[in-house]
Amino acid sequence: MIDEQLFDRLSRRIEAYEKDMIKLQVELTAIPAIAPESGGDGEMKKAILLWDVLTRLGLTDLELIEAPDERVSSGRRPNIIVRYPAAESASKEQTWIISHMDIVPPGEPGLWNNDPYQAYVQDGYIIGRGVVDNQQDLVASLYALKACLDEGVKPARSPGLVFVSDEETASRWGLAYLLQHERNPFRKTDLICVPDSGNEDGSLIEIAEKSILWVRFRTLGKQCHGSKPYLGVNAFLAASHLAVRLYANLHEEFPLSDPLFDPPLSTFEPTRKDANVPNVNTIPGEDSFYMDCRILPRYDLAVIKNTMKETAKGIEKEFGVTIEISPVQEVQAPAATDHRSPIVIALQEAIDRVYGVHATPQGIGAGTVAAYLRREGYPVAVWCRTTPTAHQPNENCLIANMVGNAKVFARLFLQK
């Protein structure tokens, strides 16, 4: 049983930290932590700030695990582990909150009302790039731990935080690296929460993700003058037919649904298209487009790719083109976390106590770092109460969510 008077004291502590939490959000936003794939220099400067903040707040049991990456100026991608002293009688199991330091670029600057790296408060929201993805819950988890420290709490399970790099670009230098490291901090009996996906009322606990398959289709024909198309082979025309046929064939071949997910079906969406010829009066001899496929875990991605190849062969024969198929990202979804696992039950209790909301285990189409944990057999739940503005212009964090989520994390820390 959780000591309710103690939890009420922790809640009041967290409420008192609100201004400090906002201040830290502003400081973090001013340091863009963008992957080199997206034109940035990584997370090191943000990690240095966080290390200093943690030390000043009295959280001094810190460990830095760095992944070598020559593409960034520091040559390293940082991952920070924060440990909290448990009671002498505590079990070896721990409770972890895992958040990420990196952000995505702001996109078109003209769509922002202000500088995306100068966070500001308006009508109960903090606005700026990264304030909700993932700074809201990074800050919330930090101050939940700070509240335990200030109240002298000695939880039965030792709480801990992990701040990882590279979540936005496949986690090779972040959680995936950490899980294979000799100092991997996690046990399969730990309670692990990843607050990197959720909904506006906090009723969604993510326990499963769809497989992800991003694919580039490059069509090669023969360039010629627009007035004499018979002298060439129109790669754009063939690629357009390919996109339509792929959409139809994939949905027809893989129609099963699973009510755990929203949407319940696999999705196969043409998305990005690269530029071909720069002028109107030339038939393009090369054309490239991409598909974003989110696929129910029951389907093997090898079978999906085979259907793509067979569809492409039909287009090659019909239009006289050559088609190259290149996966850009390929993640076969691991088995779902058991909906009766201790972390799911603990989160349901905490969410109900803080927000008065009954949260249910569900699956999502997006990808989070939880997939890497599930693949290694760690029961993990993804949850946060959030605004749906991640990756958007004028990204915003509802301050009440940041404070409320901190209370949920603090209650998790009191679980036995």
Protein backbone atom coordinates (compact mmCIF):
# COMPACT_ATOMS: atom_id res chain seq x y z
CA MET A 1 0.00 0.00 0.00
CA ILE A 2 1.17 3.51 -0.79
CA ASP A 3 1.38 6.00 2.07
CA GLU A 4 -1.21 8.56 0.90
CA GLN A 5 -0.03 11.27 3.27
CA LEU A 6 3.48 10.92 1.89
CA PHE A 7 2.16 11.06 -1.67
CA ASP A 8 0.21 14.23 -0.84
CA ARG A 9 3.43 15.80 0.45
CA LEU A 10 5.23 14.85 -2.75
CA SER A 11 2.38 16.33 -4.81
CA ARG A 12 2.60 19.64 -2.96
CA ARG A 13 6.36 19.68 -3.46
CA ILE A 14 5.93 19.16 -7.19
CA GLU A 15 3.35 21.96 -7.41
CA ALA A 16 5.81 24.27 -5.69
CA TYR A 17 8.43 23.48 -8.36
CA GLU A 18 6.28 24.76 -11.23
CA LYS A 19 8.27 27.94 -11.90
CA ASP A 20 11.54 26.03 -11.74
CA MET A 21 10.17 23.46 -14.18
CA ILE A 22 9.19 26.19 -16.64
CA LYS A 23 12.61 27.81 -16.27
CA LEU A 24 14.35 24.54 -17.08
CA GLN A 25 12.11 24.06 -20.12
CA VAL A 26 13.21 27.47 -21.43
CA GLU A 27 16.88 26.67 -20.81
CA LEU A 28 16.66 23.30 -22.55
CA THR A 29 14.81 24.72 -25.56
CA ALA A 30 17.59 27.25 -26.12
CA ILE A 31 20.03 24.38 -26.79
CA PRO A 32 18.96 22.56 -29.98
CA ALA A 33 19.87 18.88 -29.70
CA ILE A 34 19.45 17.71 -33.29
CA ALA A 35 20.95 14.62 -34.88
CA PRO A 36 23.58 14.99 -37.60
CA GLU A 37 21.20 13.27 -40.04
CA SER A 38 18.98 16.33 -39.63
CA GLY A 39 21.78 18.88 -39.84
CA GLY A 40 22.53 19.15 -36.10
CA ASP A 41 25.47 18.55 -33.79
CA GLY A 42 23.92 16.04 -31.40
CA GLU A 43 22.97 16.27 -27.73
CA MET A 44 26.23 16.98 -25.91
CA LYS A 45 25.57 20.64 -25.03
CA LYS A 46 22.12 19.78 -23.67
CA ALA A 47 23.60 16.87 -21.70
CA ILE A 48 26.18 19.19 -20.12
CA LEU A 49 23.41 21.55 -19.00
CA LEU A 50 21.38 18.66 -17.59
CA TRP A 51 24.38 17.26 -15.71
CA ASP A 52 24.91 20.64 -14.07
CA VAL A 53 21.20 20.98 -13.20
CA LEU A 54 21.07 17.48 -11.70
CA THR A 55 24.11 18.19 -9.55
CA ARG A 56 22.73 21.51 -8.32
CA LEU A 57 19.44 19.84 -7.39
CA GLY A 58 21.28 17.31 -5.24
CA LEU A 59 20.99 14.33 -7.61
CA THR A 60 24.62 13.35 -7.65
CA ASP A 61 24.64 9.60 -8.36
CA LEU A 62 25.12 10.12 -12.09
CA GLU A 63 26.63 7.99 -14.82
CA LEU A 64 27.49 8.98 -18.37
CA ILE A 65 27.63 6.35 -21.11
CA GLU A 66 28.82 7.76 -24.41
CA ALA A 67 28.41 6.27 -27.87
CA PRO A 68 31.21 7.22 -30.28
CA ASP A 69 29.98 9.19 -33.30
CA GLU A 70 32.51 11.04 -35.47
CA ARG A 71 29.78 13.02 -37.22
CA VAL A 72 29.30 15.38 -34.24
CA SER A 73 31.89 17.87 -33.00
CA SER A 74 32.28 16.20 -29.60
CA GLY A 75 32.73 12.79 -31.21
CA ARG A 76 30.26 11.33 -28.70
CA ARG A 77 26.53 10.93 -28.14
CA PRO A 78 25.71 11.12 -24.40
CA ASN A 79 23.33 8.94 -22.37
CA ILE A 80 22.80 9.93 -18.72
CA ILE A 81 21.74 7.55 -15.94
CA VAL A 82 20.45 9.09 -12.70
CA ARG A 83 20.20 6.83 -9.65
CA TYR A 84 18.46 7.54 -6.36
CA PRO A 85 19.47 5.93 -3.06
CA ALA A 86 16.95 3.32 -1.93
CA ALA A 87 16.17 2.20 1.59
CA GLU A 88 18.57 -0.34 3.13
CA SER A 89 15.79 -2.91 3.00
CA ALA A 90 15.01 -2.15 -0.64
CA SER A 91 14.82 -4.90 -3.25
CA LYS A 92 17.20 -4.97 -6.17
CA GLU A 93 14.39 -4.03 -8.54
CA GLN A 94 14.16 -0.43 -9.70
CA THR A 95 11.66 1.94 -11.27
CA TRP A 96 12.90 3.75 -14.38
CA ILE A 97 11.59 6.71 -16.37
CA ILE A 98 13.30 6.92 -19.78
CA SER A 99 13.11 10.13 -21.81
CA HIS A 100 15.15 11.50 -24.70
CA MET A 101 17.23 14.64 -25.08
CA ASP A 102 17.16 15.04 -28.86
CA ILE A 103 14.55 16.97 -30.82
CA VAL A 104 13.53 17.35 -34.46
CA PRO A 105 14.30 20.52 -36.48
CA PRO A 106 11.66 23.26 -36.40
CA GLY A 107 10.79 22.97 -40.09
CA GLU A 108 9.56 26.06 -41.93
CA PRO A 109 10.39 29.07 -39.67
CA GLY A 110 7.56 31.15 -41.09
CA LEU A 111 4.99 28.79 -39.60
CA TRP A 112 6.13 29.62 -36.06
CA ASN A 113 4.75 32.61 -34.18
CA ASN A 114 8.15 33.19 -32.56
CA ASP A 115 11.70 31.82 -32.58
CA PRO A 116 11.22 28.06 -31.98
CA TYR A 117 14.30 27.99 -29.72
CA GLN A 118 13.10 30.82 -27.47
CA ALA A 119 10.41 29.12 -25.39
CA TYR A 120 7.73 31.30 -23.84
CA VAL A 121 4.59 30.90 -21.73
CA GLN A 122 1.15 31.77 -23.07
CA ASP A 123 -2.30 30.88 -21.69
CA GLY A 124 -0.99 28.04 -19.54
CA TYR A 125 1.24 26.55 -22.23
CA ILE A 126 4.98 26.57 -22.88
CA ILE A 127 5.64 27.01 -26.60
CA GLY A 128 8.87 26.05 -28.40
CA ARG A 129 10.56 23.21 -30.24
CA GLY A 130 11.01 20.19 -27.99
CA VAL A 131 8.86 21.40 -25.09
CA VAL A 132 6.52 18.41 -25.36
CA ASP A 133 8.71 15.96 -27.28
CA ASN A 134 10.34 15.04 -24.95
CA GLN A 135 11.21 17.85 -22.51
CA GLN A 136 7.80 17.86 -20.82
CA ASP A 137 8.37 14.45 -19.28
CA LEU A 138 12.13 14.70 -18.97
CA VAL A 139 11.55 17.72 -16.71
CA ALA A 140 8.56 16.07 -15.01
CA SER A 141 10.56 12.94 -14.15
CA LEU A 142 13.49 14.99 -12.88
CA TYR A 143 11.33 16.99 -10.48
CA ALA A 144 9.43 13.88 -9.36
CA LEU A 145 12.80 12.49 -8.26
CA LYS A 146 13.74 15.84 -6.73
CA ALA A 147 10.52 15.79 -4.66
CA CYS A 148 11.46 12.35 -3.28
CA LEU A 149 14.89 13.67 -2.37
CA ASP A 150 13.54 16.78 -0.65
CA GLU A 151 11.00 14.73 1.33
CA GLY A 152 13.64 12.22 2.36
CA VAL A 153 11.75 9.35 0.75
CA LYS A 154 13.40 5.92 0.77
CA PRO A 155 11.37 3.90 -1.73
CA ALA A 156 11.31 0.11 -1.65
CA ARG A 157 12.30 0.15 -5.32
CA SER A 158 15.11 2.54 -6.14
CA PRO A 159 13.89 5.14 -8.66
CA GLY A 160 16.05 6.12 -11.57
CA LEU A 161 16.01 8.28 -14.67
CA VAL A 162 17.63 7.73 -18.05
CA PHE A 163 18.09 10.54 -20.58
CA VAL A 164 19.02 9.06 -23.97
CA SER A 165 20.29 10.42 -27.27
CA ASP A 166 19.20 9.69 -30.83
CA GLU A 167 15.55 8.74 -30.25
CA GLU A 168 14.37 10.74 -33.26
CA THR A 169 16.69 8.92 -35.68
CA ALA A 170 16.50 5.22 -34.71
CA SER A 171 18.35 5.16 -31.33
CA ARG A 172 21.60 3.58 -32.57
CA TRP A 173 23.56 5.95 -30.32
CA GLY A 174 20.88 6.01 -27.63
CA LEU A 175 18.85 3.28 -25.99
CA ALA A 176 19.85 0.57 -28.48
CA TYR A 177 23.50 1.29 -27.63
CA LEU A 178 22.78 1.36 -23.90
CA LEU A 179 21.00 -2.01 -23.93
CA GLN A 180 24.08 -3.69 -25.44
CA HIS A 181 26.56 -1.91 -23.15
CA GLU A 182 28.34 -3.75 -20.35
CA ARG A 183 26.83 -1.25 -17.89
CA ASN A 184 23.25 -1.68 -19.09
CA PRO A 185 21.31 -0.59 -15.95
CA PHE A 186 18.03 -2.42 -16.56
CA ARG A 187 16.67 -5.67 -15.12
CA LYS A 188 13.68 -7.55 -16.50
CA THR A 189 12.00 -7.30 -13.10
CA ASP A 190 12.20 -3.48 -13.10
CA LEU A 191 9.24 -1.16 -13.63
CA ILE A 192 10.05 0.77 -16.84
CA CYS A 193 8.00 3.67 -18.18
CA VAL A 194 8.77 5.54 -21.42
CA PRO A 195 6.77 8.82 -21.48
CA ASP A 196 7.09 9.44 -25.22
CA SER A 197 3.58 8.81 -26.52
CA GLY A 198 0.10 9.33 -25.19
CA ASN A 199 -3.12 11.26 -25.62
CA GLU A 200 -4.76 14.40 -24.27
CA ASP A 201 -6.61 12.87 -21.32
CA GLY A 202 -3.96 10.33 -20.33
CA SER A 203 -6.19 7.33 -20.95
CA LEU A 204 -3.80 5.50 -23.29
CA ILE A 205 -1.09 3.17 -21.98
CA GLU A 206 0.88 1.92 -24.97
CA ILE A 207 1.89 -1.74 -24.71
CA ALA A 208 2.43 -2.58 -28.40
CA GLU A 209 3.65 -0.93 -31.58
CA LYS A 210 3.21 -1.73 -35.22
CA SER A 211 6.18 -2.77 -37.32
CA ILE A 212 7.71 0.09 -39.30
CA LEU A 213 8.83 -0.17 -42.91
CA TRP A 214 9.94 2.95 -44.77
CA VAL A 215 10.87 2.25 -48.38
CA ARG A 216 12.34 4.20 -51.29
CA PHE A 217 11.22 3.29 -54.83
CA ARG A 218 13.57 4.55 -57.57
CA THR A 219 12.22 4.20 -61.10
CA LEU A 220 14.64 4.40 -64.04
CA GLY A 221 13.43 5.08 -67.58
CA LYS A 222 14.82 7.24 -70.40
CA GLN A 223 14.81 11.05 -70.53
CA CYS A 224 13.60 12.81 -73.68
CA HIS A 225 11.90 15.97 -74.93
CA GLY A 226 8.35 16.49 -73.71
CA SER A 227 7.01 16.85 -77.26
CA LYS A 228 8.32 13.43 -78.30
CA PRO A 229 7.55 11.04 -75.44
CA TYR A 230 7.90 8.03 -77.74
CA LEU A 231 11.67 8.65 -77.77
CA GLY A 232 11.94 8.04 -74.03
CA VAL A 233 10.47 6.10 -71.13
CA ASN A 234 8.59 8.23 -68.60
CA ALA A 235 9.87 7.25 -65.16
CA PHE A 236 7.38 9.56 -63.41
CA LEU A 237 4.40 7.99 -65.18
CA ALA A 238 5.56 4.49 -64.28
CA ALA A 239 6.26 5.53 -60.67
CA SER A 240 2.79 7.03 -60.36
CA HIS A 241 1.19 3.76 -61.46
CA LEU A 242 3.51 1.91 -59.06
CA ALA A 243 2.39 4.04 -56.10
CA VAL A 244 -1.30 3.43 -56.84
CA ARG A 245 -0.81 -0.30 -57.43
CA LEU A 246 1.28 -0.75 -54.29
CA TYR A 247 -1.41 1.00 -52.25
CA ALA A 248 -4.10 -1.33 -53.62
CA ASN A 249 -2.10 -4.58 -53.56
CA LEU A 250 -0.70 -4.16 -50.07
CA HIS A 251 -4.09 -3.38 -48.55
CA GLU A 252 -5.62 -6.34 -50.40
CA GLU A 253 -2.87 -8.80 -49.41
CA PHE A 254 -2.66 -7.76 -45.75
CA PRO A 255 -6.24 -6.91 -44.67
CA LEU A 256 -6.35 -8.25 -41.11
CA SER A 257 -7.26 -5.94 -38.25
CA ASP A 258 -6.46 -5.86 -34.54
CA PRO A 259 -8.66 -3.81 -32.17
CA LEU A 260 -5.67 -3.26 -29.87
CA PHE A 261 -4.44 -0.66 -32.38
CA ASP A 262 -5.80 2.65 -33.64
CA PRO A 263 -6.19 2.45 -36.60
CA PRO A 264 -6.74 -1.31 -36.36
CA LEU A 265 -5.42 -2.02 -39.87
CA SER A 266 -1.95 -1.97 -41.36
CA THR A 267 -1.31 1.25 -43.30
CA PHE A 268 0.70 1.70 -46.52
CA GLU A 269 1.02 5.37 -47.38
CA PRO A 270 3.00 7.04 -50.20
CA THR A 271 4.63 10.09 -48.62
CA ARG A 272 7.73 11.90 -49.81
CA LYS A 273 8.56 12.45 -53.49
CA ASP A 274 11.98 13.61 -54.65
CA ALA A 275 12.34 16.21 -57.39
CA ASN A 276 13.05 14.87 -60.87
CA VAL A 277 13.68 17.18 -63.86
CA PRO A 278 13.64 20.94 -63.12
CA ASN A 279 11.76 21.97 -66.29
CA VAL A 280 8.28 21.22 -67.59
CA ASN A 281 9.18 20.17 -71.13
CA THR A 282 11.38 17.17 -70.33
CA ILE A 283 10.18 13.61 -69.81
CA PRO A 284 12.00 12.42 -66.65
CA GLY A 285 14.22 9.38 -66.91
CA GLU A 286 14.41 8.95 -63.15
CA ASP A 287 11.86 9.32 -60.38
CA SER A 288 11.86 8.48 -56.66
CA PHE A 289 9.14 8.30 -54.05
CA TYR A 290 8.80 6.81 -50.57
CA MET A 291 6.22 4.86 -48.59
CA ASP A 292 5.62 4.88 -44.83
CA CYS A 293 4.16 1.51 -43.82
CA ARG A 294 2.91 0.76 -40.29
CA ILE A 295 2.17 -2.94 -40.16
CA LEU A 296 0.44 -5.16 -37.62
CA PRO A 297 3.01 -7.30 -35.74
CA ARG A 298 1.46 -10.55 -37.02
CA TYR A 299 2.83 -9.87 -40.51
CA ASP A 300 6.45 -10.69 -41.39
CA LEU A 301 8.14 -7.71 -43.06
CA ALA A 302 9.93 -10.10 -45.45
CA VAL A 303 6.52 -11.09 -46.86
CA ILE A 304 5.52 -7.42 -47.19
CA LYS A 305 8.72 -6.65 -49.11
CA ASN A 306 8.15 -9.62 -51.41
CA THR A 307 4.72 -8.24 -52.35
CA MET A 308 6.37 -4.90 -53.12
CA LYS A 309 8.91 -6.62 -55.38
CA GLU A 310 6.23 -8.59 -57.26
CA THR A 311 4.19 -5.43 -57.78
CA ALA A 312 7.27 -3.60 -59.06
CA LYS A 313 8.02 -6.42 -61.51
CA GLY A 314 4.57 -5.95 -63.05
CA ILE A 315 5.20 -2.23 -63.53
CA GLU A 316 8.66 -2.89 -65.01
CA LYS A 317 7.17 -5.23 -67.60
CA GLU A 318 4.26 -2.92 -68.42
CA PHE A 319 6.24 0.33 -68.76
CA GLY A 320 9.72 -0.83 -69.71
CA VAL A 321 11.41 0.66 -66.65
CA THR A 322 13.76 -0.60 -63.96
CA ILE A 323 12.72 -0.20 -60.32
CA GLU A 324 15.09 -0.21 -57.36
CA ILE A 325 13.59 -0.87 -53.91
CA SER A 326 15.57 0.28 -50.85
CA PRO A 327 14.32 0.05 -47.24
CA VAL A 328 15.09 3.27 -45.35
CA GLN A 329 13.94 2.01 -41.96
CA GLU A 330 12.85 -1.50 -41.06
CA VAL A 331 11.70 -2.47 -37.56
CA GLN A 332 9.88 -5.73 -37.00
CA ALA A 333 7.62 -5.18 -33.99
CA PRO A 334 8.38 -7.34 -30.96
CA ALA A 335 5.73 -9.04 -28.84
CA ALA A 336 3.49 -6.75 -26.84
CA THR A 337 3.95 -6.08 -23.14
CA ASP A 338 1.49 -8.17 -21.13
CA HIS A 339 -1.50 -5.98 -20.25
CA ARG A 340 -1.39 -7.48 -16.73
CA SER A 341 2.30 -6.68 -16.15
CA PRO A 342 3.25 -4.78 -12.96
CA ILE A 343 4.19 -1.57 -14.81
CA VAL A 344 0.79 -1.41 -16.54
CA ILE A 345 -1.09 -2.01 -13.29
CA ALA A 346 1.05 0.53 -11.42
CA LEU A 347 0.49 3.15 -14.12
CA GLN A 348 -3.27 2.57 -14.13
CA GLU A 349 -3.41 3.11 -10.38
CA ALA A 350 -1.25 6.23 -10.50
CA ILE A 351 -3.13 7.81 -13.42
CA ASP A 352 -6.45 7.21 -11.70
CA ARG A 353 -5.15 8.75 -8.44
CA VAL A 354 -3.70 11.86 -10.11
CA TYR A 355 -6.08 12.50 -13.00
CA GLY A 356 -9.19 10.48 -12.11
CA VAL A 357 -8.92 8.72 -15.48
CA HIS A 358 -9.17 4.98 -16.20
CA ALA A 359 -6.30 4.24 -18.59
CA THR A 360 -6.41 1.21 -20.89
CA PRO A 361 -3.60 -0.75 -22.57
CA GLN A 362 -3.53 -0.13 -26.33
CA GLY A 363 -1.28 -0.36 -29.39
CA ILE A 364 -0.04 2.50 -31.57
CA GLY A 365 1.28 2.94 -35.09
CA ALA A 366 4.13 5.25 -34.14
CA GLY A 367 7.50 3.97 -32.99
CA THR A 368 9.13 4.63 -29.62
CA VAL A 369 12.29 3.39 -27.91
CA ALA A 370 10.08 0.92 -26.01
CA ALA A 371 10.40 -1.38 -29.03
CA TYR A 372 14.09 -1.92 -28.26
CA LEU A 373 13.27 -2.86 -24.67
CA ARG A 374 10.49 -5.26 -25.69
CA ARG A 375 12.79 -6.93 -28.22
CA GLU A 376 15.17 -7.73 -25.36
CA GLY A 377 12.35 -9.05 -23.17
CA TYR A 378 11.85 -6.07 -20.83
CA PRO A 379 8.21 -5.38 -19.86
CA VAL A 380 7.73 -1.67 -20.58
CA ALA A 381 4.79 0.70 -20.85
CA VAL A 382 4.64 3.97 -22.77
CA TRP A 383 2.52 6.70 -21.25
CA CYS A 384 2.14 10.44 -20.89
CA ARG A 385 -0.67 12.95 -20.82
CA THR A 386 0.22 15.29 -23.65
CA THR A 387 -0.83 17.75 -26.32
CA PRO A 388 -0.81 16.41 -29.91
CA THR A 389 1.73 18.98 -31.13
CA ALA A 390 4.99 17.01 -31.37
CA HIS A 391 6.93 17.82 -34.59
CA GLN A 392 4.47 20.63 -35.41
CA PRO A 393 5.00 24.40 -35.68
CA ASN A 394 4.29 26.12 -32.34
CA GLU A 395 4.78 22.85 -30.45
CA ASN A 396 3.38 23.33 -26.97
CA CYS A 397 3.33 21.75 -23.54
CA LEU A 398 0.40 22.25 -21.20
CA ILE A 399 2.02 23.22 -17.90
CA ALA A 400 -0.67 21.36 -15.96
CA ASN A 401 0.31 18.16 -17.79
CA MET A 402 3.98 18.62 -16.91
CA VAL A 403 3.12 19.03 -13.23
CA GLY A 404 0.49 16.27 -13.23
CA ASN A 405 2.75 13.79 -15.00
CA ALA A 406 5.45 14.48 -12.42
CA LYS A 407 2.94 13.40 -9.75
CA VAL A 408 2.22 10.18 -11.67
CA PHE A 409 5.97 9.44 -11.83
CA ALA A 410 6.37 10.21 -8.13
CA ARG A 411 3.59 7.75 -7.35
CA LEU A 412 5.31 5.12 -9.47
CA PHE A 413 8.42 5.68 -7.37
CA LEU A 414 6.41 4.73 -4.25
CA GLN A 415 5.36 1.35 -5.69
CA LYS A 416 6.73 -1.71 -3.91
